[in-house]
Every structure is written in C-alpha cells, then in structure tokens.
C-alpha cells in the first residue's frame, strides 16, 4: 500500500477520534470506568459508521469524475471540521439561552451524561449510545474515504482501532494525571485536522 494513502487513512482516523480522546479524559477525571467490553462496543460503532459512510461515498463516486469526488470529500471534511471548531461558541450561547436538547447533543457537550444510572461505569446500553454519539465524525471520515477511493475497510478498521485506543488510554491518563486541559483541546485539534485533510485532498 502506498505510504501516502496509508497516512491519509490514519489522518482521517485520528481526526475522527480525537473527540473520543477528550471523552476518555473526561471520564478518567470524573472516575467513570470504561470497561473493556464497553470500549469494544464504542469502537465497533465507530467501525460500522465509518464503513456505512465509506460504502455510501464509494457508491456516489461511481457516478462522478475524480476531481468532483475529491471536491465533495473536501467539503464534507471541512464542514465537519468547522462545525467541531464552533462548538465552544455554541456552548456559550446555549448557556446564555437554555433550551431543551436531545440526549445525543447533551452527551456531546457533557460526556458524563452517558452514565445515565450514575454507576460510575459505562454499561452496555450506555456504550451503544456513547458509541453512536462519538461516531458522527467517523461517518464523515468514512464517506470521505469512499468518495476519494481510499480502502474503506482499512479506513474503517483504523477508525475503530483508534477509537478503542483513544478512549481506553485517555481514560487511564485522565484518572492518573487529571489531564483535563488536553481534553478541552481535543475538539479544536480534531476540527483543524479534518479541515487540513480535506484541503490536502484537493490541493495535493
């Protein structure tokens, strides 16, 4: 496999899972356990949503010329990246004007809400909800891989593996070192990386 293609798949996987790192740290700081099975379920959700996005992107690419496919992939990643970057501003606005949010939206802003029973441990149902919430970026990353003709199975596997790694390791680091500042920067780094990957696909 070409090194550039491999690096592109890894970059998509990293960008899609930096939110998972932030959630892992938040859980570690709050002493909420993420058992092996729960982390596996979260990773599987990341894999599956990346695969669904990849299959959709691959199907669309059959009808469009390569440049247009790369352009669509760039627009998707840049849009998601910008959306991730403006989340802190939306959070500030929502605090000033409280509204009723759905569960997924609340979990994105406050990961501890996924521990719905207050057990200080993520259970099976909670891991599914958390996995879906955290896999939105994986869906976009998979779509980008499919429409730009990257290997969607390899990209999905990398996304799932990095999800497992980010949540597990960062939960440990959060519990051990209370590295909450790193968690707060995860959104910004993820957004910038998504934008850079998208731009690189068209400009390279």
N, C-alpha and C. Protein backbone atom coordinates (compact mmCIF):
# COMPACT_ATOMS: atom_id res chain seq x y z
N UNK A 1 0.84 -1.20 0.00
CA UNK A 1 0.00 0.00 0.00
C UNK A 1 0.88 1.25 0.00
N UNK A 2 0.51 2.21 -0.83
CA UNK A 2 1.25 3.47 -0.91
C UNK A 2 1.26 4.19 0.43
N UNK A 3 2.43 4.72 0.83
CA UNK A 3 2.57 5.36 2.14
C UNK A 3 1.65 6.57 2.26
N UNK A 4 1.50 7.32 1.17
CA UNK A 4 0.63 8.50 1.21
C UNK A 4 -0.81 8.13 1.47
N UNK A 5 -1.27 7.03 0.86
CA UNK A 5 -2.64 6.56 1.07
C UNK A 5 -2.83 6.11 2.52
N UNK A 6 -1.83 5.36 3.04
CA UNK A 6 -1.90 4.91 4.42
C UNK A 6 -1.96 6.08 5.38
N UNK A 7 -1.13 7.10 5.14
CA UNK A 7 -1.12 8.27 6.01
C UNK A 7 -2.46 9.01 5.95
N UNK A 8 -3.09 9.05 4.75
CA UNK A 8 -4.38 9.71 4.61
C UNK A 8 -5.43 8.97 5.44
N UNK A 9 -5.42 7.64 5.42
CA UNK A 9 -6.38 6.85 6.20
C UNK A 9 -6.15 7.04 7.69
N UNK A 10 -4.89 7.07 8.10
CA UNK A 10 -4.57 7.27 9.51
C UNK A 10 -4.99 8.67 9.97
N UNK A 11 -4.75 9.67 9.10
CA UNK A 11 -5.13 11.05 9.44
C UNK A 11 -6.64 11.17 9.62
N UNK A 12 -7.41 10.51 8.74
CA UNK A 12 -8.87 10.51 8.87
C UNK A 12 -9.27 9.85 10.19
N UNK A 13 -8.63 8.71 10.50
CA UNK A 13 -8.94 8.00 11.73
C UNK A 13 -8.63 8.83 12.97
N UNK A 14 -7.50 9.51 12.96
CA UNK A 14 -7.12 10.35 14.10
C UNK A 14 -8.09 11.51 14.27
N UNK A 15 -8.38 12.20 13.16
CA UNK A 15 -9.28 13.34 13.21
C UNK A 15 -10.67 12.93 13.71
N UNK A 16 -11.13 11.75 13.28
CA UNK A 16 -12.46 11.29 13.65
C UNK A 16 -12.55 10.87 15.10
N UNK A 17 -11.40 10.60 15.73
CA UNK A 17 -11.45 10.02 17.08
C UNK A 17 -10.84 10.89 18.17
N UNK A 18 -10.47 12.12 17.85
CA UNK A 18 -9.93 12.99 18.90
C UNK A 18 -11.01 13.34 19.92
N UNK A 19 -12.27 13.38 19.48
CA UNK A 19 -13.37 13.57 20.44
C UNK A 19 -13.39 12.43 21.45
N UNK A 20 -13.10 11.21 20.96
CA UNK A 20 -13.06 10.05 21.86
C UNK A 20 -11.99 10.23 22.92
N UNK A 21 -10.85 10.83 22.52
CA UNK A 21 -9.79 11.09 23.48
C UNK A 21 -10.26 12.06 24.55
N UNK A 22 -10.96 13.12 24.12
CA UNK A 22 -11.48 14.09 25.06
C UNK A 22 -12.48 13.48 26.03
N UNK A 23 -13.36 12.60 25.51
CA UNK A 23 -14.34 11.93 26.36
C UNK A 23 -13.64 10.98 27.33
N UNK A 24 -12.62 10.26 26.83
CA UNK A 24 -11.86 9.36 27.69
C UNK A 24 -11.24 10.09 28.87
N UNK A 25 -10.65 11.25 28.59
CA UNK A 25 -10.04 12.05 29.65
C UNK A 25 -11.11 12.54 30.63
N UNK A 26 -12.24 13.00 30.09
CA UNK A 26 -13.33 13.49 30.96
C UNK A 26 -13.80 12.38 31.88
N UNK A 27 -13.90 11.16 31.36
CA UNK A 27 -14.33 10.03 32.19
C UNK A 27 -13.29 9.70 33.25
N UNK A 28 -12.01 9.74 32.84
CA UNK A 28 -10.96 9.46 33.79
C UNK A 28 -10.94 10.45 34.93
N UNK A 29 -11.09 11.74 34.59
CA UNK A 29 -11.09 12.79 35.61
C UNK A 29 -12.26 12.60 36.57
N UNK A 30 -13.41 12.20 36.04
CA UNK A 30 -14.62 12.00 36.86
C UNK A 30 -14.67 10.62 37.51
N UNK A 31 -13.61 9.81 37.28
CA UNK A 31 -13.53 8.46 37.85
C UNK A 31 -14.66 7.55 37.36
N UNK A 32 -15.07 7.76 36.10
CA UNK A 32 -16.07 6.88 35.48
C UNK A 32 -15.33 5.81 34.68
N UNK A 33 -15.54 4.55 35.00
CA UNK A 33 -14.85 3.44 34.34
C UNK A 33 -15.45 3.17 32.96
N UNK A 34 -14.56 2.83 32.02
CA UNK A 34 -14.99 2.37 30.70
C UNK A 34 -14.47 0.94 30.56
N UNK A 35 -15.27 -0.07 30.93
CA UNK A 35 -14.81 -1.46 30.87
C UNK A 35 -14.40 -1.87 29.46
N UNK A 36 -13.62 -2.94 29.38
CA UNK A 36 -13.13 -3.43 28.09
C UNK A 36 -14.27 -3.67 27.11
N UNK A 37 -15.34 -4.32 27.58
CA UNK A 37 -16.47 -4.62 26.69
C UNK A 37 -17.15 -3.36 26.19
N UNK A 38 -17.34 -2.38 27.08
CA UNK A 38 -17.97 -1.12 26.68
C UNK A 38 -17.11 -0.39 25.66
N UNK A 39 -15.80 -0.38 25.89
CA UNK A 39 -14.89 0.27 24.94
C UNK A 39 -14.92 -0.45 23.60
N UNK A 40 -15.04 -1.78 23.61
CA UNK A 40 -15.12 -2.55 22.37
C UNK A 40 -16.39 -2.20 21.60
N UNK A 41 -17.51 -2.05 22.31
CA UNK A 41 -18.76 -1.67 21.66
C UNK A 41 -18.64 -0.29 21.02
N UNK A 42 -18.04 0.66 21.75
CA UNK A 42 -17.85 2.02 21.22
C UNK A 42 -17.00 1.97 19.95
N UNK A 43 -15.92 1.16 19.99
CA UNK A 43 -15.04 1.03 18.83
C UNK A 43 -15.77 0.40 17.64
N UNK A 44 -16.62 -0.60 17.94
CA UNK A 44 -17.38 -1.26 16.87
C UNK A 44 -18.36 -0.27 16.22
N UNK A 45 -18.95 0.61 17.02
CA UNK A 45 -19.84 1.61 16.45
C UNK A 45 -19.07 2.55 15.53
N UNK A 46 -17.86 2.91 15.95
CA UNK A 46 -17.01 3.75 15.09
C UNK A 46 -16.69 3.06 13.79
N UNK A 47 -16.34 1.77 13.87
CA UNK A 47 -16.03 0.97 12.67
C UNK A 47 -17.24 0.90 11.74
N UNK A 48 -18.41 0.60 12.30
CA UNK A 48 -19.61 0.39 11.49
C UNK A 48 -20.06 1.69 10.81
N UNK A 49 -20.03 2.80 11.55
CA UNK A 49 -20.46 4.06 10.94
C UNK A 49 -19.47 4.54 9.89
N UNK A 50 -18.18 4.30 10.13
CA UNK A 50 -17.18 4.64 9.11
C UNK A 50 -17.40 3.79 7.86
N UNK A 51 -17.75 2.53 8.06
CA UNK A 51 -17.99 1.62 6.92
C UNK A 51 -19.23 2.05 6.15
N UNK A 52 -20.32 2.39 6.86
CA UNK A 52 -21.54 2.85 6.20
C UNK A 52 -21.25 4.11 5.38
N UNK A 53 -20.53 5.06 5.99
CA UNK A 53 -20.16 6.27 5.26
C UNK A 53 -19.29 5.96 4.06
N UNK A 54 -18.36 5.02 4.22
CA UNK A 54 -17.47 4.64 3.13
C UNK A 54 -18.22 4.00 1.97
N UNK A 55 -19.15 3.11 2.27
CA UNK A 55 -19.94 2.46 1.22
C UNK A 55 -20.79 3.47 0.46
N UNK A 56 -21.36 4.44 1.19
CA UNK A 56 -22.15 5.49 0.54
C UNK A 56 -21.27 6.35 -0.36
N UNK A 57 -20.12 6.75 0.17
CA UNK A 57 -19.20 7.56 -0.63
C UNK A 57 -18.70 6.81 -1.86
N UNK A 58 -18.41 5.53 -1.71
CA UNK A 58 -17.93 4.71 -2.83
C UNK A 58 -19.01 4.59 -3.90
N UNK A 59 -20.26 4.43 -3.48
CA UNK A 59 -21.37 4.33 -4.44
C UNK A 59 -21.54 5.64 -5.21
N UNK A 60 -21.48 6.77 -4.51
CA UNK A 60 -21.62 8.07 -5.17
C UNK A 60 -20.48 8.30 -6.16
N UNK A 61 -19.28 7.82 -5.81
CA UNK A 61 -18.10 8.04 -6.66
C UNK A 61 -18.22 7.35 -8.01
N UNK A 62 -19.10 6.36 -8.13
CA UNK A 62 -19.27 5.65 -9.40
C UNK A 62 -19.89 6.55 -10.47
N UNK A 63 -20.55 7.62 -10.03
CA UNK A 63 -21.30 8.47 -10.96
C UNK A 63 -20.63 9.82 -11.21
N UNK A 64 -19.51 10.06 -10.54
CA UNK A 64 -18.89 11.38 -10.64
C UNK A 64 -17.41 11.27 -11.03
N UNK A 65 -16.87 12.29 -11.72
CA UNK A 65 -15.44 12.29 -12.05
C UNK A 65 -14.58 12.46 -10.80
N UNK A 66 -13.31 12.00 -10.84
CA UNK A 66 -12.44 12.02 -9.66
C UNK A 66 -12.31 13.39 -9.00
N UNK A 67 -12.16 14.46 -9.79
CA UNK A 67 -11.97 15.78 -9.18
C UNK A 67 -13.19 16.19 -8.37
N UNK A 68 -14.39 15.93 -8.91
CA UNK A 68 -15.61 16.28 -8.20
C UNK A 68 -15.71 15.47 -6.91
N UNK A 69 -15.30 14.19 -6.98
CA UNK A 69 -15.31 13.34 -5.77
C UNK A 69 -14.40 13.91 -4.70
N UNK A 70 -13.19 14.31 -5.11
CA UNK A 70 -12.25 14.91 -4.15
C UNK A 70 -12.81 16.21 -3.59
N UNK A 71 -13.48 16.98 -4.44
CA UNK A 71 -14.06 18.25 -4.00
C UNK A 71 -15.16 18.02 -2.98
N UNK A 72 -16.03 17.02 -3.24
CA UNK A 72 -17.10 16.70 -2.29
C UNK A 72 -16.51 16.22 -0.97
N UNK A 73 -15.47 15.35 -1.06
CA UNK A 73 -14.80 14.88 0.15
C UNK A 73 -14.23 16.03 0.96
N UNK A 74 -13.63 17.00 0.26
CA UNK A 74 -13.07 18.16 0.94
C UNK A 74 -14.17 18.96 1.64
N UNK A 75 -15.28 19.20 0.94
CA UNK A 75 -16.38 19.98 1.51
C UNK A 75 -16.94 19.30 2.76
N UNK A 76 -17.09 17.98 2.70
CA UNK A 76 -17.62 17.24 3.85
C UNK A 76 -16.70 17.39 5.05
N UNK A 77 -15.39 17.14 4.86
CA UNK A 77 -14.45 17.21 5.97
C UNK A 77 -14.30 18.63 6.51
N UNK A 78 -14.21 19.60 5.62
CA UNK A 78 -14.06 20.99 6.06
C UNK A 78 -15.31 21.44 6.83
N UNK A 79 -16.49 21.04 6.34
CA UNK A 79 -17.74 21.41 7.02
C UNK A 79 -17.80 20.81 8.42
N UNK A 80 -17.46 19.52 8.53
CA UNK A 80 -17.45 18.88 9.85
C UNK A 80 -16.39 19.53 10.74
N UNK A 81 -15.22 19.83 10.15
CA UNK A 81 -14.15 20.48 10.91
C UNK A 81 -14.56 21.83 11.46
N UNK A 82 -15.21 22.63 10.63
CA UNK A 82 -15.68 23.95 11.08
C UNK A 82 -16.75 23.79 12.15
N UNK A 83 -17.65 22.81 11.96
CA UNK A 83 -18.70 22.56 12.95
C UNK A 83 -18.10 22.20 14.30
N UNK A 84 -17.06 21.37 14.28
CA UNK A 84 -16.37 20.99 15.53
C UNK A 84 -15.73 22.21 16.17
N UNK A 85 -15.11 23.07 15.36
CA UNK A 85 -14.42 24.24 15.90
C UNK A 85 -15.36 25.25 16.55
N UNK A 86 -16.59 25.36 16.01
CA UNK A 86 -17.50 26.38 16.55
C UNK A 86 -18.33 25.86 17.73
N UNK A 87 -18.14 24.58 18.09
CA UNK A 87 -18.91 24.04 19.22
C UNK A 87 -18.74 24.84 20.51
N UNK A 88 -17.51 25.27 20.87
CA UNK A 88 -17.38 26.07 22.10
C UNK A 88 -18.22 27.34 22.07
N UNK A 89 -18.31 27.99 20.90
CA UNK A 89 -19.13 29.20 20.78
C UNK A 89 -20.61 28.87 20.95
N UNK A 90 -21.03 27.73 20.37
CA UNK A 90 -22.42 27.31 20.52
C UNK A 90 -22.74 26.96 21.97
N UNK A 91 -21.74 26.36 22.65
CA UNK A 91 -21.93 26.02 24.06
C UNK A 91 -22.16 27.26 24.90
N UNK A 92 -21.36 28.32 24.64
CA UNK A 92 -21.51 29.56 25.40
C UNK A 92 -22.88 30.17 25.16
N UNK A 93 -23.32 30.13 23.89
CA UNK A 93 -24.61 30.70 23.55
C UNK A 93 -25.75 29.93 24.20
N UNK A 94 -25.60 28.59 24.21
CA UNK A 94 -26.66 27.75 24.80
C UNK A 94 -26.75 27.94 26.30
N UNK A 95 -25.61 28.26 26.94
CA UNK A 95 -25.64 28.51 28.39
C UNK A 95 -26.37 29.81 28.71
N UNK A 96 -26.23 30.78 27.78
CA UNK A 96 -26.91 32.05 27.98
C UNK A 96 -28.40 31.94 27.69
N UNK A 97 -28.75 31.03 26.73
CA UNK A 97 -30.15 30.83 26.36
C UNK A 97 -30.48 29.35 26.49
N UNK A 98 -30.79 28.87 27.68
CA UNK A 98 -31.03 27.45 27.91
C UNK A 98 -32.19 26.93 27.05
N UNK A 99 -31.97 25.76 26.45
CA UNK A 99 -33.00 25.11 25.65
C UNK A 99 -33.00 23.63 25.96
N UNK A 100 -34.08 22.95 25.63
CA UNK A 100 -34.16 21.51 25.80
C UNK A 100 -33.41 20.84 24.66
N UNK A 101 -32.35 20.09 24.99
CA UNK A 101 -31.55 19.41 23.98
C UNK A 101 -31.85 17.93 24.01
N UNK A 102 -31.64 17.25 22.86
CA UNK A 102 -31.80 15.81 22.87
C UNK A 102 -30.61 15.16 23.56
N UNK A 103 -30.73 13.84 23.80
CA UNK A 103 -29.71 13.13 24.58
C UNK A 103 -28.35 13.17 23.91
N UNK A 104 -28.30 12.93 22.59
CA UNK A 104 -27.01 12.89 21.91
C UNK A 104 -26.30 14.24 21.99
N UNK A 105 -27.07 15.31 21.83
CA UNK A 105 -26.50 16.65 21.91
C UNK A 105 -25.95 16.92 23.31
N UNK A 106 -26.68 16.49 24.33
CA UNK A 106 -26.23 16.71 25.71
C UNK A 106 -24.95 15.92 26.00
N UNK A 107 -24.87 14.71 25.47
CA UNK A 107 -23.68 13.88 25.70
C UNK A 107 -22.46 14.48 25.03
N UNK A 108 -22.65 15.06 23.83
CA UNK A 108 -21.53 15.70 23.15
C UNK A 108 -20.97 16.84 23.99
N UNK A 109 -21.84 17.56 24.68
CA UNK A 109 -21.40 18.70 25.49
C UNK A 109 -20.97 18.28 26.89
N UNK A 110 -21.55 17.20 27.39
CA UNK A 110 -21.25 16.75 28.75
C UNK A 110 -21.21 15.22 28.77
N UNK A 111 -20.05 14.62 28.45
CA UNK A 111 -19.94 13.16 28.28
C UNK A 111 -20.42 12.35 29.48
N UNK A 112 -20.35 12.93 30.70
CA UNK A 112 -20.75 12.18 31.88
C UNK A 112 -22.23 11.79 31.84
N UNK A 113 -23.03 12.49 31.00
CA UNK A 113 -24.46 12.18 30.93
C UNK A 113 -24.71 10.80 30.33
N UNK A 114 -23.71 10.22 29.65
CA UNK A 114 -23.87 8.87 29.11
C UNK A 114 -23.95 7.84 30.23
N UNK A 115 -23.39 8.17 31.40
CA UNK A 115 -23.52 7.29 32.57
C UNK A 115 -24.85 7.59 33.23
N UNK A 116 -25.92 7.13 32.59
CA UNK A 116 -27.27 7.54 32.97
C UNK A 116 -27.71 7.01 34.33
N UNK A 117 -27.16 5.86 34.74
CA UNK A 117 -27.58 5.30 36.02
C UNK A 117 -26.69 5.75 37.18
N UNK A 118 -25.70 6.60 36.87
CA UNK A 118 -24.82 7.11 37.92
C UNK A 118 -23.97 6.07 38.59
N UNK A 119 -23.67 4.97 37.87
CA UNK A 119 -22.93 3.85 38.46
C UNK A 119 -21.42 4.06 38.44
N UNK A 120 -20.96 5.15 37.81
CA UNK A 120 -19.53 5.41 37.64
C UNK A 120 -18.86 4.33 36.78
N UNK A 121 -19.67 3.70 35.93
CA UNK A 121 -19.15 2.71 35.00
C UNK A 121 -20.07 2.69 33.78
N UNK A 122 -19.49 2.65 32.56
CA UNK A 122 -20.29 2.66 31.34
C UNK A 122 -20.80 1.25 31.05
N UNK A 123 -22.13 1.09 31.05
CA UNK A 123 -22.74 -0.21 30.78
C UNK A 123 -22.95 -0.44 29.30
N UNK A 124 -23.59 -1.57 28.95
CA UNK A 124 -23.74 -1.96 27.54
C UNK A 124 -24.61 -0.97 26.77
N UNK A 125 -25.79 -0.68 27.27
CA UNK A 125 -26.69 0.26 26.58
C UNK A 125 -26.05 1.64 26.51
N UNK A 126 -25.44 2.04 27.60
CA UNK A 126 -24.77 3.34 27.63
C UNK A 126 -23.63 3.40 26.62
N UNK A 127 -22.92 2.29 26.43
CA UNK A 127 -21.81 2.27 25.47
C UNK A 127 -22.31 2.40 24.03
N UNK A 128 -23.51 1.84 23.75
CA UNK A 128 -24.09 1.98 22.41
C UNK A 128 -24.45 3.45 22.14
N UNK A 129 -25.10 4.09 23.11
CA UNK A 129 -25.47 5.49 22.96
C UNK A 129 -24.22 6.36 22.81
N UNK A 130 -23.22 6.11 23.65
CA UNK A 130 -21.97 6.87 23.58
C UNK A 130 -21.26 6.61 22.26
N UNK A 131 -21.27 5.34 21.81
CA UNK A 131 -20.63 4.99 20.54
C UNK A 131 -21.24 5.70 19.36
N UNK A 132 -22.58 5.76 19.32
CA UNK A 132 -23.26 6.47 18.23
C UNK A 132 -22.91 7.96 18.27
N UNK A 133 -22.93 8.53 19.47
CA UNK A 133 -22.63 9.95 19.62
C UNK A 133 -21.23 10.29 19.14
N UNK A 134 -20.27 9.44 19.49
CA UNK A 134 -18.88 9.72 19.15
C UNK A 134 -18.52 9.36 17.71
N UNK A 135 -19.42 8.66 17.02
CA UNK A 135 -19.08 8.14 15.69
C UNK A 135 -19.57 9.02 14.54
N UNK A 136 -20.10 10.20 14.85
CA UNK A 136 -20.55 11.10 13.79
C UNK A 136 -19.38 11.48 12.89
N UNK A 137 -18.23 11.79 13.50
CA UNK A 137 -17.05 12.12 12.71
C UNK A 137 -16.56 10.92 11.91
N UNK A 138 -16.73 9.71 12.45
CA UNK A 138 -16.33 8.51 11.73
C UNK A 138 -17.16 8.33 10.47
N UNK A 139 -18.44 8.66 10.56
CA UNK A 139 -19.33 8.58 9.40
C UNK A 139 -18.83 9.51 8.29
N UNK A 140 -18.47 10.73 8.66
CA UNK A 140 -17.96 11.69 7.68
C UNK A 140 -16.61 11.24 7.13
N UNK A 141 -15.73 10.74 8.02
CA UNK A 141 -14.43 10.26 7.58
C UNK A 141 -14.55 9.08 6.64
N UNK A 142 -15.46 8.15 6.94
CA UNK A 142 -15.68 7.01 6.06
C UNK A 142 -16.20 7.43 4.70
N UNK A 143 -17.13 8.39 4.71
CA UNK A 143 -17.67 8.91 3.46
C UNK A 143 -16.56 9.50 2.60
N UNK A 144 -15.69 10.26 3.24
CA UNK A 144 -14.56 10.87 2.52
C UNK A 144 -13.66 9.78 1.93
N UNK A 145 -13.40 8.72 2.70
CA UNK A 145 -12.55 7.63 2.20
C UNK A 145 -13.19 6.95 0.99
N UNK A 146 -14.52 6.74 1.06
CA UNK A 146 -15.21 6.07 -0.03
C UNK A 146 -15.24 6.89 -1.30
N UNK A 147 -15.54 8.17 -1.17
CA UNK A 147 -15.70 9.01 -2.36
C UNK A 147 -14.36 9.36 -3.00
N UNK A 148 -13.28 9.27 -2.24
CA UNK A 148 -11.95 9.54 -2.79
C UNK A 148 -11.18 8.25 -3.08
N UNK A 149 -11.88 7.12 -3.03
CA UNK A 149 -11.33 5.81 -3.42
C UNK A 149 -10.21 5.32 -2.52
N UNK A 150 -10.26 5.66 -1.24
CA UNK A 150 -9.38 5.00 -0.29
C UNK A 150 -10.00 3.65 0.07
N UNK A 151 -9.23 2.77 0.64
CA UNK A 151 -9.75 1.46 1.06
C UNK A 151 -10.68 1.65 2.25
N UNK A 152 -11.99 1.48 2.02
CA UNK A 152 -12.95 1.79 3.08
C UNK A 152 -12.89 0.79 4.22
N UNK A 153 -12.54 -0.46 3.95
CA UNK A 153 -12.43 -1.44 5.02
C UNK A 153 -11.25 -1.13 5.92
N UNK A 154 -10.12 -0.79 5.29
CA UNK A 154 -8.93 -0.45 6.07
C UNK A 154 -9.16 0.83 6.87
N UNK A 155 -9.78 1.83 6.23
CA UNK A 155 -10.06 3.09 6.92
C UNK A 155 -11.01 2.87 8.10
N UNK A 156 -12.02 2.04 7.90
CA UNK A 156 -12.98 1.75 8.98
C UNK A 156 -12.31 1.01 10.12
N UNK A 157 -11.44 0.06 9.78
CA UNK A 157 -10.72 -0.69 10.83
C UNK A 157 -9.81 0.25 11.62
N UNK A 158 -9.10 1.12 10.92
CA UNK A 158 -8.22 2.08 11.59
C UNK A 158 -9.03 2.99 12.51
N UNK A 159 -10.20 3.45 12.03
CA UNK A 159 -11.06 4.32 12.85
C UNK A 159 -11.52 3.61 14.12
N UNK A 160 -11.93 2.34 13.96
CA UNK A 160 -12.37 1.57 15.12
C UNK A 160 -11.25 1.33 16.11
N UNK A 161 -10.07 0.97 15.59
CA UNK A 161 -8.92 0.70 16.45
C UNK A 161 -8.49 1.96 17.20
N UNK A 162 -8.47 3.10 16.50
CA UNK A 162 -8.07 4.35 17.15
C UNK A 162 -9.11 4.79 18.18
N UNK A 163 -10.39 4.49 17.92
CA UNK A 163 -11.43 4.78 18.91
C UNK A 163 -11.15 4.03 20.20
N UNK A 164 -10.89 2.73 20.08
CA UNK A 164 -10.60 1.90 21.25
C UNK A 164 -9.38 2.43 22.00
N UNK A 165 -8.34 2.76 21.25
CA UNK A 165 -7.09 3.25 21.83
C UNK A 165 -7.30 4.59 22.53
N UNK A 166 -7.99 5.53 21.86
CA UNK A 166 -8.17 6.87 22.41
C UNK A 166 -9.00 6.85 23.69
N UNK A 167 -10.11 6.13 23.69
CA UNK A 167 -10.96 6.09 24.87
C UNK A 167 -10.25 5.41 26.04
N UNK A 168 -9.68 4.22 25.76
CA UNK A 168 -9.03 3.46 26.83
C UNK A 168 -7.83 4.16 27.43
N UNK A 169 -6.90 4.59 26.57
CA UNK A 169 -5.68 5.23 27.06
C UNK A 169 -5.97 6.55 27.75
N UNK A 170 -6.85 7.37 27.14
CA UNK A 170 -7.11 8.69 27.69
C UNK A 170 -7.92 8.63 28.98
N UNK A 171 -8.78 7.61 29.12
CA UNK A 171 -9.48 7.43 30.40
C UNK A 171 -8.46 7.12 31.49
N UNK A 172 -7.46 6.31 31.16
CA UNK A 172 -6.40 5.99 32.13
C UNK A 172 -5.60 7.25 32.48
N UNK A 173 -5.23 8.02 31.44
CA UNK A 173 -4.44 9.24 31.68
C UNK A 173 -5.24 10.26 32.50
N UNK A 174 -6.54 10.37 32.19
CA UNK A 174 -7.38 11.31 32.93
C UNK A 174 -7.47 10.93 34.40
N UNK A 175 -7.61 9.63 34.66
CA UNK A 175 -7.72 9.16 36.05
C UNK A 175 -6.38 9.30 36.77
N UNK A 176 -5.30 9.07 36.04
CA UNK A 176 -3.98 9.05 36.67
C UNK A 176 -3.40 10.45 36.85
N UNK A 177 -3.59 11.29 35.85
CA UNK A 177 -2.93 12.60 35.87
C UNK A 177 -3.91 13.77 35.83
N UNK A 178 -5.24 13.48 35.74
CA UNK A 178 -6.25 14.55 35.67
C UNK A 178 -5.92 15.55 34.58
N UNK A 179 -5.66 15.02 33.36
CA UNK A 179 -5.22 15.87 32.24
C UNK A 179 -6.41 16.50 31.53
N UNK A 180 -7.24 17.25 32.28
CA UNK A 180 -8.47 17.79 31.69
C UNK A 180 -8.19 18.86 30.65
N UNK A 181 -7.05 19.55 30.73
CA UNK A 181 -6.73 20.58 29.73
C UNK A 181 -6.58 19.97 28.35
N UNK A 182 -5.98 18.78 28.27
CA UNK A 182 -5.83 18.10 26.99
C UNK A 182 -7.19 17.76 26.41
N UNK A 183 -8.11 17.33 27.26
CA UNK A 183 -9.45 17.00 26.81
C UNK A 183 -10.16 18.21 26.21
N UNK A 184 -9.95 19.37 26.80
CA UNK A 184 -10.61 20.59 26.33
C UNK A 184 -10.09 21.00 24.95
N UNK A 185 -8.85 20.61 24.62
CA UNK A 185 -8.27 20.98 23.33
C UNK A 185 -8.60 19.98 22.23
N UNK A 186 -9.19 18.83 22.59
CA UNK A 186 -9.42 17.77 21.61
C UNK A 186 -10.31 18.24 20.46
N UNK A 187 -11.37 18.98 20.76
CA UNK A 187 -12.27 19.46 19.72
C UNK A 187 -11.55 20.35 18.71
N UNK A 188 -10.75 21.30 19.22
CA UNK A 188 -10.05 22.23 18.34
C UNK A 188 -9.06 21.50 17.43
N UNK A 189 -8.29 20.59 18.01
CA UNK A 189 -7.31 19.83 17.21
C UNK A 189 -8.02 18.97 16.18
N UNK A 190 -9.11 18.33 16.57
CA UNK A 190 -9.88 17.49 15.66
C UNK A 190 -10.41 18.30 14.49
N UNK A 191 -11.00 19.47 14.79
CA UNK A 191 -11.55 20.32 13.73
C UNK A 191 -10.50 20.78 12.75
N UNK A 192 -9.36 21.25 13.26
CA UNK A 192 -8.28 21.71 12.39
C UNK A 192 -7.75 20.57 11.52
N UNK A 193 -7.58 19.39 12.11
CA UNK A 193 -7.05 18.25 11.37
C UNK A 193 -8.01 17.82 10.25
N UNK A 194 -9.31 17.81 10.53
CA UNK A 194 -10.29 17.48 9.50
C UNK A 194 -10.22 18.46 8.33
N UNK A 195 -10.10 19.74 8.65
CA UNK A 195 -10.01 20.77 7.60
C UNK A 195 -8.73 20.58 6.77
N UNK A 196 -7.61 20.31 7.44
CA UNK A 196 -6.35 20.14 6.71
C UNK A 196 -6.37 18.91 5.81
N UNK A 197 -6.92 17.80 6.32
CA UNK A 197 -7.02 16.60 5.49
C UNK A 197 -7.89 16.85 4.26
N UNK A 198 -9.02 17.54 4.46
CA UNK A 198 -9.90 17.85 3.34
C UNK A 198 -9.24 18.73 2.30
N UNK A 199 -8.56 19.77 2.74
CA UNK A 199 -7.87 20.67 1.81
C UNK A 199 -6.73 19.95 1.08
N UNK A 200 -6.03 19.10 1.77
CA UNK A 200 -4.90 18.37 1.17
C UNK A 200 -5.36 17.49 0.02
N UNK A 201 -6.54 16.93 0.12
CA UNK A 201 -7.03 16.01 -0.91
C UNK A 201 -7.25 16.72 -2.24
N UNK A 202 -7.60 17.98 -2.18
CA UNK A 202 -7.85 18.74 -3.41
C UNK A 202 -6.60 19.46 -3.90
N UNK A 203 -5.83 19.98 -2.96
CA UNK A 203 -4.68 20.81 -3.32
C UNK A 203 -3.43 20.01 -3.66
N UNK A 204 -3.37 18.76 -3.21
CA UNK A 204 -2.15 17.96 -3.45
C UNK A 204 -2.12 17.41 -4.88
